[in-house]
Amino acid sequence: MVLDLMLIALAITLYPLPLMAFALVVSTARGVWKGLVFILAWLACLVAVIAVVLAVTDGQPPPPRSPPGVAGLAAKLAIGVGLVFYGLHRRRLMRAGAAPGDASAADASAGQVPEVRGGPSGGATGEGTGESAGDRGEGSFWASAGLAVLVQPWGMVAAGATTVLEANTSQPATFVALFGFCLLASASLLAAELYIVFAPEVAQARLLRLRGWLKEHAQQAIVVLCLVLGLWLTAKSLYQLTS
């Protein structure tokens, strides 16, 4: 379980779209606080998924070969196959030349949500409505939280949920593994937030440059992450189902 969780968490933290959205959020007025809201909403999603799974299993893994255990492995297999097909689909679009102009819904939202956009000087604008940053502060924080939920790679989070089915909460090491999963899955965002806190001006400029670089290479990263994780989950699930 631990190895699977760490691999899934690594894929989540390397997934480019959340970091691209986060870089946009922290580049606006009060970006540090909006970034914190983004991270808290992101973590809340992960914790909520884990809590739901543990509530369903009562903190005990299903017995081997039992219907719940087989159903969990079948779900993980389906997710793995889905990730492989999604990665192949992205690769086919990229090779056809369609992927660079095919912005995902999450990336489009990150670039078009008016509440989290800023003006050329980094201050929040009303997008032509004349609103000040103070008038729109509350909405901006809610938009940051909603964006964090939107750009979650939910397929990978679902893979993590099927892995948490194997968690045994009677063992203290399980809580360490679950905490490590949440920490690693959020590592890139946490590192960017700390960078913003300690070097705001330099960090904002570099994060925006990073966002531009990621926008050019996001498709390749998504293809690699989906194929590698999908193949691992598929092979592991097939082995467990047939052994």
C-alpha atoms as a PDB file:
ATOM      1  CA  MET A   1       0.000   0.000   0.000  1.00  0.00           C
ATOM      2  CA  VAL A   2       2.716   2.476   0.982  1.00  0.00           C
ATOM      3  CA  LEU A   3       4.609   2.199  -2.312  1.00  0.00           C
ATOM      4  CA  ASP A   4       1.420   2.663  -4.333  1.00  0.00           C
ATOM      5  CA  LEU A   5       0.412   5.685  -2.258  1.00  0.00           C
ATOM      6  CA  MET A   6       3.797   7.342  -2.660  1.00  0.00           C
ATOM      7  CA  LEU A   7       3.843   6.762  -6.431  1.00  0.00           C
ATOM      8  CA  ILE A   8       0.347   8.192  -6.778  1.00  0.00           C
ATOM      9  CA  ALA A   9       1.247  11.176  -4.584  1.00  0.00           C
ATOM     10  CA  LEU A  10       4.373  11.801  -6.673  1.00  0.00           C
ATOM     11  CA  ALA A  11       2.309  11.772  -9.868  1.00  0.00           C
ATOM     12  CA  ILE A  12      -0.183  14.206  -8.317  1.00  0.00           C
ATOM     13  CA  THR A  13       2.482  16.668  -7.173  1.00  0.00           C
ATOM     14  CA  LEU A  14       4.201  16.573 -10.584  1.00  0.00           C
ATOM     15  CA  TYR A  15       0.944  17.062 -12.490  1.00  0.00           C
ATOM     16  CA  PRO A  16       1.426  20.437 -14.197  1.00  0.00           C
ATOM     17  CA  LEU A  17      -2.057  21.972 -14.230  1.00  0.00           C
ATOM     18  CA  PRO A  18      -2.428  22.606 -10.455  1.00  0.00           C
ATOM     19  CA  LEU A  19       0.942  24.359 -10.270  1.00  0.00           C
ATOM     20  CA  MET A  20       0.045  26.458 -13.315  1.00  0.00           C
ATOM     21  CA  ALA A  21      -3.198  27.528 -11.655  1.00  0.00           C
ATOM     22  CA  PHE A  22      -1.424  28.177  -8.354  1.00  0.00           C
ATOM     23  CA  ALA A  23       1.179  30.394 -10.044  1.00  0.00           C
ATOM     24  CA  LEU A  24      -1.637  32.504 -11.457  1.00  0.00           C
ATOM     25  CA  VAL A  25      -3.408  32.741  -8.100  1.00  0.00           C
ATOM     26  CA  VAL A  26      -0.358  33.924  -6.149  1.00  0.00           C
ATOM     27  CA  SER A  27       0.491  36.532  -8.789  1.00  0.00           C
ATOM     28  CA  THR A  28      -2.601  38.571  -7.842  1.00  0.00           C
ATOM     29  CA  ALA A  29      -3.111  40.984  -4.947  1.00  0.00           C
ATOM     30  CA  ARG A  30      -2.947  39.234  -1.562  1.00  0.00           C
ATOM     31  CA  GLY A  31      -1.511  36.297  -3.445  1.00  0.00           C
ATOM     32  CA  VAL A  32       0.106  34.734  -0.377  1.00  0.00           C
ATOM     33  CA  TRP A  33      -3.260  34.400   1.361  1.00  0.00           C
ATOM     34  CA  LYS A  34      -5.020  33.236  -1.782  1.00  0.00           C
ATOM     35  CA  GLY A  35      -2.281  30.670  -2.260  1.00  0.00           C
ATOM     36  CA  LEU A  36      -2.817  29.481   1.308  1.00  0.00           C
ATOM     37  CA  VAL A  37      -6.552  29.154   0.665  1.00  0.00           C
ATOM     38  CA  PHE A  38      -5.778  27.222  -2.521  1.00  0.00           C
ATOM     39  CA  ILE A  39      -3.552  24.785  -0.619  1.00  0.00           C
ATOM     40  CA  LEU A  40      -6.036  24.359   2.232  1.00  0.00           C
ATOM     41  CA  ALA A  41      -8.832  23.555  -0.222  1.00  0.00           C
ATOM     42  CA  TRP A  42      -6.503  21.171  -2.057  1.00  0.00           C
ATOM     43  CA  LEU A  43      -5.611  19.377   1.180  1.00  0.00           C
ATOM     44  CA  ALA A  44      -9.244  19.336   2.275  1.00  0.00           C
ATOM     45  CA  CYS A  45     -10.129  17.353  -0.854  1.00  0.00           C
ATOM     46  CA  LEU A  46      -7.419  14.774  -0.161  1.00  0.00           C
ATOM     47  CA  VAL A  47      -8.351  14.464   3.514  1.00  0.00           C
ATOM     48  CA  ALA A  48     -12.050  14.196   2.681  1.00  0.00           C
ATOM     49  CA  VAL A  49     -11.428  11.369   0.215  1.00  0.00           C
ATOM     50  CA  ILE A  50      -9.311   9.483   2.757  1.00  0.00           C
ATOM     51  CA  ALA A  51     -11.866  10.040   5.520  1.00  0.00           C
ATOM     52  CA  VAL A  52     -14.713   8.727   3.362  1.00  0.00           C
ATOM     53  CA  VAL A  53     -12.782   5.584   2.434  1.00  0.00           C
ATOM     54  CA  LEU A  54     -11.781   4.888   6.046  1.00  0.00           C
ATOM     55  CA  ALA A  55     -15.381   5.437   7.161  1.00  0.00           C
ATOM     56  CA  VAL A  56     -16.590   2.921   4.582  1.00  0.00           C
ATOM     57  CA  THR A  57     -14.004   0.286   5.536  1.00  0.00           C
ATOM     58  CA  ASP A  58     -14.114   1.122   9.258  1.00  0.00           C
ATOM     59  CA  GLY A  59     -10.339   1.374   9.127  1.00  0.00           C
ATOM     60  CA  GLN A  60      -9.869  -2.312   8.287  1.00  0.00           C
ATOM     61  CA  PRO A  61      -8.796  -3.690   4.885  1.00  0.00           C
ATOM     62  CA  PRO A  62     -11.245  -6.120   3.298  1.00  0.00           C
ATOM     63  CA  PRO A  63     -10.237  -9.783   3.511  1.00  0.00           C
ATOM     64  CA  PRO A  64      -8.386 -11.156   0.475  1.00  0.00           C
ATOM     65  CA  ARG A  65     -10.652 -12.608  -2.204  1.00  0.00           C
ATOM     66  CA  SER A  66     -13.720 -11.151  -0.496  1.00  0.00           C
ATOM     67  CA  PRO A  67     -16.233  -9.312  -2.731  1.00  0.00           C
ATOM     68  CA  PRO A  68     -15.229  -5.872  -1.344  1.00  0.00           C
ATOM     69  CA  GLY A  69     -11.544  -6.680  -1.828  1.00  0.00           C
ATOM     70  CA  VAL A  70     -12.050  -7.868  -5.404  1.00  0.00           C
ATOM     71  CA  ALA A  71     -14.248  -4.849  -6.135  1.00  0.00           C
ATOM     72  CA  GLY A  72     -11.504  -2.528  -4.859  1.00  0.00           C
ATOM     73  CA  LEU A  73      -8.891  -4.182  -7.065  1.00  0.00           C
ATOM     74  CA  ALA A  74     -11.251  -4.074 -10.041  1.00  0.00           C
ATOM     75  CA  ALA A  75     -11.789  -0.353  -9.462  1.00  0.00           C
ATOM     76  CA  LYS A  76      -8.041   0.230  -9.284  1.00  0.00           C
ATOM     77  CA  LEU A  77      -7.605  -1.781 -12.498  1.00  0.00           C
ATOM     78  CA  ALA A  78     -10.277   0.293 -14.231  1.00  0.00           C
ATOM     79  CA  ILE A  79      -8.597   3.520 -13.126  1.00  0.00           C
ATOM     80  CA  GLY A  80      -5.211   2.260 -14.305  1.00  0.00           C
ATOM     81  CA  VAL A  81      -6.586   1.301 -17.716  1.00  0.00           C
ATOM     82  CA  GLY A  82      -8.369   4.655 -17.917  1.00  0.00           C
ATOM     83  CA  LEU A  83      -5.149   6.531 -17.209  1.00  0.00           C
ATOM     84  CA  VAL A  84      -3.318   4.538 -19.883  1.00  0.00           C
ATOM     85  CA  PHE A  85      -5.981   5.281 -22.485  1.00  0.00           C
ATOM     86  CA  TYR A  86      -6.066   8.943 -21.472  1.00  0.00           C
ATOM     87  CA  GLY A  87      -2.293   9.162 -21.800  1.00  0.00           C
ATOM     88  CA  LEU A  88      -2.415   7.495 -25.220  1.00  0.00           C
ATOM     89  CA  HIS A  89      -5.208   9.834 -26.277  1.00  0.00           C
ATOM     90  CA  ARG A  90      -3.135  12.866 -25.242  1.00  0.00           C
ATOM     91  CA  ARG A  91      -0.112  11.453 -27.046  1.00  0.00           C
ATOM     92  CA  ARG A  92      -2.114  10.936 -30.228  1.00  0.00           C
ATOM     93  CA  LEU A  93      -3.383  14.523 -30.086  1.00  0.00           C
ATOM     94  CA  MET A  94       0.132  15.798 -29.433  1.00  0.00           C
ATOM     95  CA  ARG A  95       1.586  13.880 -32.369  1.00  0.00           C
ATOM     96  CA  ALA A  96      -1.226  15.166 -34.570  1.00  0.00           C
ATOM     97  CA  GLY A  97      -0.345  18.708 -33.554  1.00  0.00           C
ATOM     98  CA  ALA A  98      -3.671  19.353 -31.853  1.00  0.00           C
ATOM     99  CA  ALA A  99      -2.546  19.129 -28.241  1.00  0.00           C
ATOM    100  CA  PRO A 100      -0.667  22.465 -27.948  1.00  0.00           C
ATOM    101  CA  GLY A 101      -3.815  24.401 -28.809  1.00  0.00           C
ATOM    102  CA  ASP A 102      -6.109  22.050 -26.932  1.00  0.00           C
ATOM    103  CA  ALA A 103      -6.194  23.700 -23.503  1.00  0.00           C
ATOM    104  CA  SER A 104      -7.812  21.570 -20.859  1.00  0.00           C
ATOM    105  CA  ALA A 105     -10.827  22.800 -18.950  1.00  0.00           C
ATOM    106  CA  ALA A 106      -8.746  23.136 -15.824  1.00  0.00           C
ATOM    107  CA  ASP A 107      -6.085  25.250 -17.503  1.00  0.00           C
ATOM    108  CA  ALA A 108      -8.721  27.356 -19.209  1.00  0.00           C
ATOM    109  CA  SER A 109     -10.402  27.974 -15.877  1.00  0.00           C
ATOM    110  CA  ALA A 110      -7.086  28.894 -14.309  1.00  0.00           C
ATOM    111  CA  GLY A 111      -6.567  31.536 -16.948  1.00  0.00           C
ATOM    112  CA  GLN A 112     -10.134  32.850 -17.223  1.00  0.00           C
ATOM    113  CA  VAL A 113     -11.616  32.991 -13.718  1.00  0.00           C
ATOM    114  CA  PRO A 114     -12.004  36.760 -13.245  1.00  0.00           C
ATOM    115  CA  GLU A 115     -11.859  36.684  -9.474  1.00  0.00           C
ATOM    116  CA  VAL A 116      -8.257  35.501  -9.385  1.00  0.00           C
ATOM    117  CA  ARG A 117      -6.823  37.541 -12.195  1.00  0.00           C
ATOM    118  CA  GLY A 118      -4.618  40.523 -11.609  1.00  0.00           C
ATOM    119  CA  GLY A 119      -3.654  43.647 -13.480  1.00  0.00           C
ATOM    120  CA  PRO A 120      -0.272  44.315 -15.076  1.00  0.00           C
ATOM    121  CA  SER A 121       1.092  45.658 -11.800  1.00  0.00           C
ATOM    122  CA  GLY A 122      -0.007  42.571  -9.853  1.00  0.00           C
ATOM    123  CA  GLY A 123      -2.981  44.308  -8.216  1.00  0.00           C
ATOM    124  CA  ALA A 124      -6.423  42.808  -8.621  1.00  0.00           C
ATOM    125  CA  THR A 125      -8.643  44.447 -11.175  1.00  0.00           C
ATOM    126  CA  GLY A 126     -12.388  44.391 -11.564  1.00  0.00           C
ATOM    127  CA  GLU A 127     -12.086  43.196 -15.179  1.00  0.00           C
ATOM    128  CA  GLY A 128     -13.658  46.419 -16.383  1.00  0.00           C
ATOM    129  CA  THR A 129     -16.269  46.638 -13.607  1.00  0.00           C
ATOM    130  CA  GLY A 130     -14.399  49.194 -11.504  1.00  0.00           C
ATOM    131  CA  GLU A 131     -14.286  46.927  -8.459  1.00  0.00           C
ATOM    132  CA  SER A 132     -11.324  47.291  -6.148  1.00  0.00           C
ATOM    133  CA  ALA A 133      -9.357  44.439  -4.619  1.00  0.00           C
ATOM    134  CA  GLY A 134     -11.031  45.108  -1.291  1.00  0.00           C
ATOM    135  CA  ASP A 135     -14.507  44.899  -2.842  1.00  0.00           C
ATOM    136  CA  ARG A 136     -13.679  41.552  -4.388  1.00  0.00           C
ATOM    137  CA  GLY A 137     -11.423  40.041  -1.730  1.00  0.00           C
ATOM    138  CA  GLU A 138     -13.937  37.568  -0.365  1.00  0.00           C
ATOM    139  CA  GLY A 139     -14.980  36.349  -3.799  1.00  0.00           C
ATOM    140  CA  SER A 140     -11.348  35.962  -4.779  1.00  0.00           C
ATOM    141  CA  PHE A 141     -10.645  33.678  -1.851  1.00  0.00           C
ATOM    142  CA  TRP A 142     -13.655  31.545  -2.707  1.00  0.00           C
ATOM    143  CA  ALA A 143     -12.514  31.451  -6.327  1.00  0.00           C
ATOM    144  CA  SER A 144      -9.053  30.282  -5.221  1.00  0.00           C
ATOM    145  CA  ALA A 145     -10.604  27.481  -3.185  1.00  0.00           C
ATOM    146  CA  GLY A 146     -12.904  26.470  -6.035  1.00  0.00           C
ATOM    147  CA  LEU A 147     -10.012  26.481  -8.483  1.00  0.00           C
ATOM    148  CA  ALA A 148      -8.050  24.129  -6.213  1.00  0.00           C
ATOM    149  CA  VAL A 149     -10.947  21.679  -6.320  1.00  0.00           C
ATOM    150  CA  LEU A 150     -11.331  22.049 -10.087  1.00  0.00           C
ATOM    151  CA  VAL A 151      -7.695  21.355 -10.978  1.00  0.00           C
ATOM    152  CA  GLN A 152      -7.324  18.296  -8.738  1.00  0.00           C
ATOM    153  CA  PRO A 153      -6.262  15.342 -10.929  1.00  0.00           C
ATOM    154  CA  TRP A 154      -9.293  13.393  -9.766  1.00  0.00           C
ATOM    155  CA  GLY A 155      -8.398  10.232 -11.644  1.00  0.00           C
ATOM    156  CA  MET A 156      -5.162   9.984  -9.669  1.00  0.00           C
ATOM    157  CA  VAL A 157      -6.949  10.924  -6.438  1.00  0.00           C
ATOM    158  CA  ALA A 158      -9.436   8.112  -7.135  1.00  0.00           C
ATOM    159  CA  ALA A 159      -6.487   5.739  -7.568  1.00  0.00           C
ATOM    160  CA  GLY A 160      -5.281   6.874  -4.159  1.00  0.00           C
ATOM    161  CA  ALA A 161      -8.726   6.189  -2.713  1.00  0.00           C
ATOM    162  CA  THR A 162      -8.723   2.600  -3.987  1.00  0.00           C
ATOM    163  CA  THR A 163      -5.290   2.154  -2.401  1.00  0.00           C
ATOM    164  CA  VAL A 164      -6.496   3.547   0.946  1.00  0.00           C
ATOM    165  CA  LEU A 165      -8.995   0.674   0.971  1.00  0.00           C
ATOM    166  CA  GLU A 166      -6.027  -1.452   2.082  1.00  0.00           C
ATOM    167  CA  ALA A 167      -5.296   0.804   5.079  1.00  0.00           C
ATOM    168  CA  ASN A 168      -5.333  -0.719   8.555  1.00  0.00           C
ATOM    169  CA  THR A 169      -5.831   2.043  11.094  1.00  0.00           C
ATOM    170  CA  SER A 170      -4.894  -0.255  13.980  1.00  0.00           C
ATOM    171  CA  GLN A 171      -1.279   0.191  12.890  1.00  0.00           C
ATOM    172  CA  PRO A 172       0.354   3.584  13.618  1.00  0.00           C
ATOM    173  CA  ALA A 173       2.440   3.288  10.435  1.00  0.00           C
ATOM    174  CA  THR A 174      -0.780   3.618   8.433  1.00  0.00           C
ATOM    175  CA  PHE A 175      -1.341   7.168   9.661  1.00  0.00           C
ATOM    176  CA  VAL A 176       2.266   8.029   8.816  1.00  0.00           C
ATOM    177  CA  ALA A 177       1.718   6.696   5.289  1.00  0.00           C
ATOM    178  CA  LEU A 178      -1.528   8.646   4.866  1.00  0.00           C
ATOM    179  CA  PHE A 179       0.089  11.832   6.165  1.00  0.00           C
ATOM    180  CA  GLY A 180       3.031  11.264   3.823  1.00  0.00           C
ATOM    181  CA  PHE A 181       0.612  10.820   0.918  1.00  0.00           C
ATOM    182  CA  CYS A 182      -1.085  14.172   1.585  1.00  0.00           C
ATOM    183  CA  LEU A 183       2.261  15.905   2.152  1.00  0.00           C
ATOM    184  CA  LEU A 184       3.925  14.542  -0.981  1.00  0.00           C
ATOM    185  CA  ALA A 185       0.832  15.168  -3.133  1.00  0.00           C
ATOM    186  CA  SER A 186       0.963  18.825  -2.033  1.00  0.00           C
ATOM    187  CA  ALA A 187       4.749  19.222  -1.998  1.00  0.00           C
ATOM    188  CA  SER A 188       5.061  21.346  -5.144  1.00  0.00           C
ATOM    189  CA  LEU A 189       2.338  23.722  -3.975  1.00  0.00           C
ATOM    190  CA  LEU A 190       3.773  23.977  -0.470  1.00  0.00           C
ATOM    191  CA  ALA A 191       7.243  24.687  -1.845  1.00  0.00           C
ATOM    192  CA  ALA A 192       5.867  27.424  -4.112  1.00  0.00           C
ATOM    193  CA  GLU A 193       3.916  28.978  -1.232  1.00  0.00           C
ATOM    194  CA  LEU A 194       6.982  29.056   1.022  1.00  0.00           C
ATOM    195  CA  TYR A 195       8.980  30.606  -1.814  1.00  0.00           C
ATOM    196  CA  ILE A 196       6.337  33.326  -2.146  1.00  0.00           C
ATOM    197  CA  VAL A 197       6.396  33.986   1.611  1.00  0.00           C
ATOM    198  CA  PHE A 198      10.161  34.411   1.881  1.00  0.00           C
ATOM    199  CA  ALA A 199      10.924  36.022  -1.501  1.00  0.00           C
ATOM    200  CA  PRO A 200       7.647  37.408  -2.858  1.00  0.00           C
ATOM    201  CA  GLU A 201       8.873  39.573  -5.730  1.00  0.00           C
ATOM    202  CA  VAL A 202      11.407  37.121  -7.097  1.00  0.00           C
ATOM    203  CA  ALA A 203       9.104  34.164  -6.527  1.00  0.00           C
ATOM    204  CA  GLN A 204       6.154  35.691  -8.373  1.00  0.00           C
ATOM    205  CA  ALA A 205       8.251  36.456 -11.428  1.00  0.00           C
ATOM    206  CA  ARG A 206       9.821  32.997 -11.465  1.00  0.00           C
ATOM    207  CA  LEU A 207       6.531  31.211 -10.887  1.00  0.00           C
ATOM    208  CA  LEU A 208       4.975  33.055 -13.810  1.00  0.00           C
ATOM    209  CA  ARG A 209       7.933  32.077 -15.986  1.00  0.00           C
ATOM    210  CA  LEU A 210       7.541  28.509 -14.734  1.00  0.00           C
ATOM    211  CA  ARG A 211       3.871  28.632 -15.658  1.00  0.00           C
ATOM    212  CA  GLY A 212       4.801  29.690 -19.176  1.00  0.00           C
ATOM    213  CA  TRP A 213       7.306  26.851 -19.447  1.00  0.00           C
ATOM    214  CA  LEU A 214       4.802  24.345 -18.076  1.00  0.00           C
ATOM    215  CA  LYS A 215       2.186  25.540 -20.546  1.00  0.00           C
ATOM    216  CA  GLU A 216       4.522  24.578 -23.375  1.00  0.00           C
ATOM    217  CA  HIS A 217       5.445  21.192 -21.884  1.00  0.00           C
ATOM    218  CA  ALA A 218       2.273  20.273 -19.983  1.00  0.00           C
ATOM    219  CA  GLN A 219       1.068  17.819 -22.607  1.00  0.00           C
ATOM    220  CA  GLN A 220       4.285  15.795 -22.517  1.00  0.00           C
ATOM    221  CA  ALA A 221       4.215  15.710 -18.711  1.00  0.00           C
ATOM    222  CA  ILE A 222       0.586  14.590 -18.615  1.00  0.00           C
ATOM    223  CA  VAL A 223       1.260  11.819 -21.136  1.00  0.00           C
ATOM    224  CA  VAL A 224       4.263  10.482 -19.198  1.00  0.00           C
ATOM    225  CA  LEU A 225       2.586  10.674 -15.786  1.00  0.00           C
ATOM    226  CA  CYS A 226      -0.642   9.046 -16.948  1.00  0.00           C
ATOM    227  CA  LEU A 227       1.106   6.253 -18.836  1.00  0.00           C
ATOM    228  CA  VAL A 228       3.604   5.428 -16.084  1.00  0.00           C
ATOM    229  CA  LEU A 229       1.063   5.496 -13.256  1.00  0.00           C
ATOM    230  CA  GLY A 230      -1.628   3.804 -15.340  1.00  0.00           C
ATOM    231  CA  LEU A 231       0.655   0.948 -16.376  1.00  0.00           C
ATOM    232  CA  TRP A 232       1.821   0.468 -12.785  1.00  0.00           C
ATOM    233  CA  LEU A 233      -1.730   0.340 -11.410  1.00  0.00           C
ATOM    234  CA  THR A 234      -2.889  -1.959 -14.210  1.00  0.00           C
ATOM    235  CA  ALA A 235      -0.020  -4.413 -13.769  1.00  0.00           C
ATOM    236  CA  LYS A 236      -0.261  -4.404  -9.974  1.00  0.00           C
ATOM    237  CA  SER A 237      -4.033  -4.923 -10.003  1.00  0.00           C
ATOM    238  CA  LEU A 238      -3.871  -7.741 -12.535  1.00  0.00           C
ATOM    239  CA  TYR A 239      -1.201  -9.460 -10.475  1.00  0.00           C
ATOM    240  CA  GLN A 240      -3.231  -9.201  -7.285  1.00  0.00           C
ATOM    241  CA  LEU A 241      -6.419 -10.365  -9.005  1.00  0.00           C
ATOM    242  CA  THR A 242      -4.805 -13.395 -10.589  1.00  0.00           C
ATOM    243  CA  SER A 243      -2.363 -14.492  -7.889  1.00  0.00           C
END
